[in-house]
Protein backbone atom coordinates (compact mmCIF):
# COMPACT_ATOMS: atom_id res chain seq x y z
CA MET A 1 1.76 -12.91 19.04
CA ASP A 2 2.93 -9.79 17.63
CA ALA A 3 2.08 -9.10 14.13
CA ILE A 4 4.47 -6.47 13.36
CA ILE A 5 7.80 -5.35 15.04
CA ALA A 6 9.44 -2.27 14.37
CA ASN A 7 12.57 -1.75 16.10
CA ASN A 8 14.67 1.47 15.75
CA VAL A 9 13.15 2.05 12.61
CA SER A 10 14.47 4.79 10.24
CA LYS A 11 14.05 5.86 6.66
CA ALA A 12 15.98 8.38 4.73
CA TYR A 13 15.84 9.32 1.47
CA ARG A 14 18.62 11.37 -0.28
CA LEU A 15 17.96 15.09 -2.27
CA PHE A 16 19.42 15.76 -5.33
CA THR A 17 19.04 19.02 -6.87
CA ASN A 18 19.45 17.78 -10.74
CA GLN A 19 19.46 14.50 -12.35
CA ARG A 20 23.01 14.91 -12.78
CA ASN A 21 23.68 15.13 -8.98
CA LYS A 22 21.63 12.11 -8.81
CA LEU A 23 23.37 10.53 -11.82
CA ILE A 24 27.45 11.49 -10.09
CA GLU A 25 25.78 10.03 -6.81
CA LEU A 26 24.54 6.77 -8.56
CA VAL A 27 27.85 6.09 -10.51
CA LEU A 28 30.49 7.72 -7.58
CA TYR A 29 28.67 7.31 -4.51
CA ARG A 30 29.31 10.24 -2.61
CA LYS A 31 28.41 10.96 0.56
CA LYS A 32 28.10 14.79 0.13
CA ILE A 33 24.30 14.96 -0.70
CA SER A 34 22.10 15.91 1.79
CA THR A 35 19.44 13.49 2.96
CA MET A 36 15.92 13.96 4.60
CA TYR A 37 14.31 11.57 6.89
CA ALA A 38 11.05 10.71 7.27
CA LEU A 39 11.24 8.33 10.07
CA ARG A 40 13.83 8.42 12.62
CA ASN A 41 14.09 5.70 15.06
CA VAL A 42 11.00 4.36 15.43
CA SER A 43 10.15 1.54 17.56
CA PHE A 44 6.71 -0.29 18.12
CA SER A 45 4.71 -3.23 18.30
CA VAL A 46 0.96 -4.60 17.37
CA LYS A 47 -0.83 -7.71 18.66
CA GLN A 48 -2.56 -10.14 15.93
CA GLY A 49 -6.01 -9.05 16.02
CA ASP A 50 -4.92 -5.11 16.97
CA CYS A 51 -5.94 -2.11 15.10
CA LEU A 52 -2.89 0.45 14.45
CA GLY A 53 -3.98 4.23 13.78
CA LEU A 54 -1.50 6.85 12.33
CA LEU A 55 -2.40 10.34 12.76
CA GLY A 56 0.03 13.13 11.56
CA LEU A 57 0.31 16.06 9.90
CA ASN A 58 1.28 16.20 5.96
CA GLY A 59 4.87 15.06 5.75
CA SER A 60 5.13 13.26 8.95
CA GLY A 61 6.01 10.14 7.98
CA LYS A 62 2.38 7.92 7.89
CA SER A 63 2.26 6.50 4.22
CA THR A 64 5.98 6.21 4.75
CA LEU A 65 5.68 3.76 7.75
CA ALA A 66 2.74 2.47 6.10
CA ASN A 67 4.76 1.71 3.17
CA LEU A 68 7.78 -0.20 5.20
CA ILE A 69 5.14 -1.73 6.78
CA ALA A 70 3.60 -3.38 3.53
CA GLY A 71 7.27 -3.65 2.23
CA ILE A 72 6.96 -1.89 -0.17
CA THR A 73 10.01 -0.17 0.73
CA THR A 74 12.38 -1.48 3.05
CA PRO A 75 13.95 0.75 6.30
CA THR A 76 17.43 2.70 5.99
CA SER A 77 18.06 1.28 9.22
CA GLY A 78 17.09 -0.70 12.21
CA LYS A 79 14.63 -3.79 11.89
CA MET A 80 10.72 -4.59 10.63
CA THR A 81 8.93 -7.47 10.74
CA VAL A 82 5.68 -8.42 9.76
CA GLN A 83 4.56 -11.83 10.28
CA GLY A 84 2.34 -13.36 7.77
CA GLU A 85 1.50 -11.86 4.67
CA ALA A 86 0.56 -8.14 4.07
CA SER A 87 -1.40 -6.31 1.91
CA SER A 88 -2.17 -2.52 1.11
CA VAL A 89 -4.48 0.17 -0.12
CA SER A 90 -3.31 3.27 -1.18
CA VAL A 91 -5.42 5.37 -3.44
CA SER A 92 -3.33 5.85 -6.25
CA VAL A 93 -1.27 2.84 -5.73
CA GLY A 94 -1.51 -0.79 -6.82
CA LEU A 95 -3.79 -0.79 -10.02
CA ASN A 96 -3.36 -0.61 -13.78
CA ASN A 97 -4.99 2.30 -15.60
CA ASP A 98 -5.50 0.14 -18.96
CA LEU A 99 -6.88 -2.30 -17.24
CA THR A 100 -10.72 -2.94 -16.41
CA GLY A 101 -11.27 -3.64 -13.01
CA VAL A 102 -12.08 -7.25 -13.45
CA GLU A 103 -8.55 -7.49 -15.01
CA ASN A 104 -7.29 -6.29 -11.76
CA ILE A 105 -8.91 -8.23 -10.27
CA GLU A 106 -7.07 -11.43 -11.80
CA TYR A 107 -3.90 -9.15 -12.10
CA LYS A 108 -3.44 -8.43 -8.85
CA GLY A 109 -4.47 -12.31 -7.56
CA LEU A 110 -2.21 -13.36 -10.03
CA LEU A 111 0.93 -11.40 -8.94
CA LEU A 112 0.07 -12.37 -5.11
CA GLY A 113 0.43 -16.10 -6.58
CA PHE A 114 -3.56 -17.10 -6.37
CA ALA A 115 -4.31 -20.11 -8.78
CA PRO A 116 -6.52 -19.12 -11.89
CA GLU A 117 -9.90 -21.31 -9.89
CA GLU A 118 -9.22 -19.31 -6.73
CA ILE A 119 -9.38 -15.89 -8.72
CA LYS A 120 -12.55 -16.64 -10.19
CA GLU A 121 -14.00 -17.65 -7.17
CA LEU A 122 -13.02 -14.59 -5.16
CA THR A 123 -14.33 -11.99 -8.54
CA PRO A 124 -17.61 -12.00 -7.52
CA LYS A 125 -16.67 -10.96 -4.02
CA ILE A 126 -14.52 -8.47 -4.71
CA ILE A 127 -17.28 -7.28 -7.68
CA GLU A 128 -20.06 -7.49 -4.57
CA PHE A 129 -17.98 -5.69 -1.72
CA ALA A 130 -16.46 -2.92 -4.67
CA ASP A 131 -20.20 -2.07 -5.47
CA ILE A 132 -18.73 0.48 -8.69
CA GLY A 133 -21.36 -1.28 -10.68
CA ASP A 134 -20.80 -1.27 -14.86
CA TYR A 135 -17.78 0.43 -14.22
CA VAL A 136 -15.83 -3.38 -13.13
CA ASN A 137 -16.05 -3.45 -17.16
CA GLN A 138 -14.70 -0.28 -17.77
CA PRO A 139 -10.67 0.82 -17.91
CA VAL A 140 -9.62 1.92 -14.31
CA LYS A 141 -8.53 5.12 -15.97
CA TYR A 142 -12.18 6.15 -16.00
CA TYR A 143 -12.61 5.54 -12.31
CA SER A 144 -12.70 8.13 -9.82
CA SER A 145 -10.75 8.34 -6.97
CA GLY A 146 -13.27 6.87 -4.87
CA MET A 147 -14.37 3.95 -7.28
CA ARG A 148 -9.76 3.14 -7.68
CA ALA A 149 -10.16 3.07 -3.48
CA ARG A 150 -13.25 0.99 -3.62
CA LEU A 151 -11.91 -1.53 -6.01
CA GLY A 152 -8.36 -1.68 -4.38
CA LEU A 153 -9.83 -2.01 -0.74
CA ALA A 154 -12.60 -4.57 -1.73
CA ILE A 155 -9.46 -6.81 -3.57
CA SER A 156 -7.22 -6.18 -0.39
CA ILE A 157 -9.92 -7.14 1.80
CA ASN A 158 -10.86 -10.51 -0.26
CA ILE A 159 -7.38 -12.08 -0.04
CA ASN A 160 -7.53 -12.11 3.43
CA PRO A 161 -4.10 -10.86 4.30
CA ASP A 162 -2.63 -11.38 7.73
CA VAL A 163 -1.61 -7.32 7.91
CA LEU A 164 -3.71 -4.78 6.19
CA VAL A 165 -2.30 -1.94 5.95
CA ILE A 166 -4.67 1.19 4.48
CA ASP A 167 -3.06 4.57 3.32
CA GLU A 168 -6.20 7.27 3.28
CA GLY A 169 -7.86 4.41 1.31
CA LEU A 170 -11.05 5.18 3.54
CA SER A 171 -10.77 9.16 3.21
CA VAL A 172 -12.77 9.04 -0.49
CA GLY A 173 -16.34 7.39 -1.09
CA ASN A 174 -19.76 7.48 0.54
CA PRO A 175 -20.26 6.93 3.98
CA SER A 176 -22.36 3.64 3.46
CA PHE A 177 -18.98 2.06 1.67
CA THR A 178 -16.61 3.34 5.21
CA ASP A 179 -18.97 1.29 6.93
CA LYS A 180 -18.61 -1.92 4.84
C-alpha cells in the first residue's frame, strides 16, 4: 500500500516587488504578478515502511516538497495524497520560543489531539530521547539549534505518526544522537 502519492504536483509562489503591489494583488487579483515555481509536475509514490531521501542544491524544492507531504502547505496544482497522520521535524519550525521544552511537549500534544493523560505518559519518553538535560525546563529561545532539533524530533517520533518528514532535522547535533 502507498503511504505517499504525488501526482503531477507543482508549487508556485507569487513574487512581489513591494508591499503595495502585494496589497493590490490581494484586493484586485491581477494576474500580471510574476510567479516562481519551487516544484513543477513532480510525481512519485512511497510504499508504507519505505524511506524517501531528497537530495539537491539549495533552492531546488526539497523543503517545499517536505512541507507538501507534511500538509503544511498545499500544491498549486496536482494532487498530494498521504495515508494517515504526518508529522514534520524541521530545525526552525514547530516549537514556541517562549515555552519550556516540557510546555512545548504538552502544547504540541494538545494541538495534535492527544488527551492530557496520553501526553503525561509520553513526556518522560520524549525527554529521555531528546537528551537535553535540565534545558528541558528552560524556554526554547535559549536552546541551540541542535537542542531544538532534538526536542522536535523526540516529540515527532514519540507520537508515532504514519509518515515522518524530517527536513534537516539530523543536520545538527552529535553523532550519538543521530544514531538514535
